[in-house]
C-alpha atoms as a PDB file:
ATOM      1  CA  MET A   1      14.602  24.669  -2.338  1.00  0.00           C
ATOM      2  CA  LYS A   2      11.452  26.612  -1.475  1.00  0.00           C
ATOM      3  CA  ASP A   3       8.223  25.477  -3.088  1.00  0.00           C
ATOM      4  CA  LYS A   4       6.699  27.744  -5.711  1.00  0.00           C
ATOM      5  CA  ILE A   5       2.915  27.988  -5.584  1.00  0.00           C
ATOM      6  CA  ILE A   6       0.872  28.592  -8.708  1.00  0.00           C
ATOM      7  CA  TYR A   7      -2.884  29.123  -8.865  1.00  0.00           C
ATOM      8  CA  VAL A   8      -4.860  27.279 -11.527  1.00  0.00           C
ATOM      9  CA  LYS A   9      -8.505  27.245 -12.624  1.00  0.00           C
ATOM     10  CA  LYS A  10      -8.916  23.505 -12.303  1.00  0.00           C
ATOM     11  CA  ILE A  11      -7.056  20.489 -10.979  1.00  0.00           C
ATOM     12  CA  LYS A  12      -7.940  17.092 -12.398  1.00  0.00           C
ATOM     13  CA  TYR A  13     -10.456  14.974 -10.430  1.00  0.00           C
ATOM     14  CA  GLY A  14     -11.605  17.918  -8.310  1.00  0.00           C
ATOM     15  CA  TYR A  15      -8.540  18.280  -6.072  1.00  0.00           C
ATOM     16  CA  ILE A  16      -7.929  21.726  -4.587  1.00  0.00           C
ATOM     17  CA  GLY A  17      -4.167  21.242  -4.244  1.00  0.00           C
ATOM     18  CA  MET A  18      -1.578  19.069  -5.964  1.00  0.00           C
ATOM     19  CA  ASN A  19       2.153  18.501  -5.949  1.00  0.00           C
ATOM     20  CA  LYS A  20       4.284  16.457  -8.365  1.00  0.00           C
ATOM     21  CA  ASP A  21       4.728  13.476  -6.026  1.00  0.00           C
ATOM     22  CA  ALA A  22       1.007  13.255  -5.212  1.00  0.00           C
ATOM     23  CA  ALA A  23       0.129  13.555  -8.909  1.00  0.00           C
ATOM     24  CA  LYS A  24       2.508  10.697  -9.704  1.00  0.00           C
ATOM     25  CA  ALA A  25       0.957   8.547  -6.956  1.00  0.00           C
ATOM     26  CA  HIS A  26      -2.514   9.186  -8.427  1.00  0.00           C
ATOM     27  CA  GLY A  27      -1.421   8.717 -12.040  1.00  0.00           C
ATOM     28  CA  ILE A  28      -2.267  12.339 -12.889  1.00  0.00           C
ATOM     29  CA  PRO A  29      -0.137  14.108 -15.530  1.00  0.00           C
ATOM     30  CA  TYR A  30       1.788  16.975 -13.938  1.00  0.00           C
ATOM     31  CA  HIS A  31       3.704  19.341 -16.177  1.00  0.00           C
ATOM     32  CA  HIS A  32       5.616  21.418 -13.601  1.00  0.00           C
ATOM     33  CA  PRO A  33       8.984  21.006 -11.858  1.00  0.00           C
ATOM     34  CA  GLU A  34       8.984  19.075  -8.574  1.00  0.00           C
ATOM     35  CA  ASN A  35       9.116  22.212  -6.411  1.00  0.00           C
ATOM     36  CA  VAL A  36       5.898  23.662  -7.918  1.00  0.00           C
ATOM     37  CA  ILE A  37       2.586  23.215  -6.097  1.00  0.00           C
ATOM     38  CA  GLU A  38      -0.759  23.848  -7.796  1.00  0.00           C
ATOM     39  CA  ILE A  39      -3.586  25.400  -5.774  1.00  0.00           C
ATOM     40  CA  LYS A  40      -7.069  25.913  -7.179  1.00  0.00           C
ATOM     41  CA  LYS A  41      -8.083  29.540  -7.717  1.00  0.00           C
ATOM     42  CA  GLY A  42     -11.096  30.953  -5.895  1.00  0.00           C
ATOM     43  CA  LEU A  43     -10.582  29.334  -2.482  1.00  0.00           C
ATOM     44  CA  SER A  44     -11.218  31.374   0.629  1.00  0.00           C
ATOM     45  CA  LYS A  45      -8.112  32.831   2.260  1.00  0.00           C
ATOM     46  CA  THR A  46      -8.243  30.311   5.126  1.00  0.00           C
ATOM     47  CA  VAL A  47      -8.771  27.255   2.903  1.00  0.00           C
ATOM     48  CA  ARG A  48      -6.043  28.444   0.527  1.00  0.00           C
ATOM     49  CA  LYS A  49      -3.573  28.879   3.420  1.00  0.00           C
ATOM     50  CA  HIS A  50      -4.320  25.428   4.869  1.00  0.00           C
ATOM     51  CA  THR A  51      -4.115  23.808   1.434  1.00  0.00           C
ATOM     52  CA  GLU A  52      -0.762  25.449   0.711  1.00  0.00           C
ATOM     53  CA  GLU A  53       0.627  24.262   4.068  1.00  0.00           C
ATOM     54  CA  HIS A  54      -0.764  20.758   3.546  1.00  0.00           C
ATOM     55  CA  GLU A  55       0.724  20.416   0.060  1.00  0.00           C
ATOM     56  CA  GLU A  56       4.105  21.778   1.172  1.00  0.00           C
ATOM     57  CA  PHE A  57       4.260  19.380   4.117  1.00  0.00           C
ATOM     58  CA  GLU A  58       3.066  16.443   2.004  1.00  0.00           C
ATOM     59  CA  ARG A  59       5.608  17.142  -0.746  1.00  0.00           C
ATOM     60  CA  HIS A  60       8.384  17.520   1.806  1.00  0.00           C
ATOM     61  CA  ALA A  61       7.471  14.199   3.466  1.00  0.00           C
ATOM     62  CA  MET A  62       7.494  12.373   0.136  1.00  0.00           C
ATOM     63  CA  HIS A  63      10.470  14.098  -1.444  1.00  0.00           C
ATOM     64  CA  GLU A  64      12.822  14.607   1.508  1.00  0.00           C
ATOM     65  CA  TRP A  65      11.796  11.772   3.840  1.00  0.00           C
ATOM     66  CA  HIS A  66      11.015   9.330   0.983  1.00  0.00           C
ATOM     67  CA  GLU A  67       7.550   8.582   2.337  1.00  0.00           C
ATOM     68  CA  ARG A  68       4.883   7.037   0.140  1.00  0.00           C
ATOM     69  CA  TYR A  69       1.932   9.240  -0.814  1.00  0.00           C
ATOM     70  CA  HIS A  70      -0.535   7.946   1.788  1.00  0.00           C
ATOM     71  CA  THR A  71       2.011   8.184   4.605  1.00  0.00           C
ATOM     72  CA  GLY A  72       3.000  11.728   3.596  1.00  0.00           C
ATOM     73  CA  HIS A  73      -0.632  12.730   3.187  1.00  0.00           C
ATOM     74  CA  ASN A  74      -1.611  11.316   6.594  1.00  0.00           C
ATOM     75  CA  LYS A  75       1.348  13.033   8.279  1.00  0.00           C
ATOM     76  CA  ALA A  76       0.290  16.309   6.642  1.00  0.00           C
ATOM     77  CA  LEU A  77      -3.235  15.836   8.035  1.00  0.00           C
ATOM     78  CA  LYS A  78      -1.876  15.034  11.506  1.00  0.00           C
ATOM     79  CA  SER A  79       0.401  18.076  11.433  1.00  0.00           C
ATOM     80  CA  GLU A  80      -2.592  20.273  10.596  1.00  0.00           C
ATOM     81  CA  ALA A  81      -4.463  18.896  13.605  1.00  0.00           C
ATOM     82  CA  VAL A  82      -1.486  19.500  15.895  1.00  0.00           C
ATOM     83  CA  ILE A  83      -0.778  23.005  14.632  1.00  0.00           C
ATOM     84  CA  ASN A  84      -4.439  24.029  14.845  1.00  0.00           C
ATOM     85  CA  ARG A  85      -4.921  22.483  18.272  1.00  0.00           C
ATOM     86  CA  PHE A  86      -1.590  23.577  19.756  1.00  0.00           C
ATOM     87  CA  PRO A  87      -0.560  26.772  17.996  1.00  0.00           C
ATOM     88  CA  GLN A  88       3.162  27.345  18.619  1.00  0.00           C
ATOM     89  CA  LYS A  89       3.041  26.070  22.226  1.00  0.00           C
ATOM     90  CA  ASN A  90       4.331  22.474  22.524  1.00  0.00           C
ATOM     91  CA  THR A  91       4.038  21.884  18.770  1.00  0.00           C
ATOM     92  CA  ASN A  92       7.434  20.163  18.406  1.00  0.00           C
ATOM     93  CA  ARG A  93       6.728  17.844  21.331  1.00  0.00           C
ATOM     94  CA  LYS A  94       3.291  16.935  19.966  1.00  0.00           C
ATOM     95  CA  LEU A  95       4.677  16.288  16.470  1.00  0.00           C
ATOM     96  CA  LYS A  96       7.379  14.032  17.928  1.00  0.00           C
ATOM     97  CA  ALA A  97       4.737  12.114  19.907  1.00  0.00           C
ATOM     98  CA  LEU A  98       2.905  11.465  16.615  1.00  0.00           C
ATOM     99  CA  GLY A  99       6.024   9.927  15.096  1.00  0.00           C
ATOM    100  CA  PHE A 100       7.391  12.807  13.051  1.00  0.00           C
ATOM    101  CA  LYS A 101      11.111  12.964  12.409  1.00  0.00           C
ATOM    102  CA  LYS A 102      12.886  16.114  13.389  1.00  0.00           C
END
């Protein structure tokens, strides 16, 4: 199921993005279904795009691959580095080298 993104004024503890699994790991109440991602309003277009991608990847890692929060979060950070450094070209190979499952 595709993630639904909603934009909110504020996310607890100053986060700019949050998904249900990350909220649970941090002990933060989250009142949306598991496929809903919160993104803070007012971010620049670039930051908003990167945050959306990060939260989607992180949620997928935790929900589909059954990763713990820190593992999913770190894989999301690594994927951002790979995608930004190697746009489209060799991305799958680089992700595999970092230990991502296909």
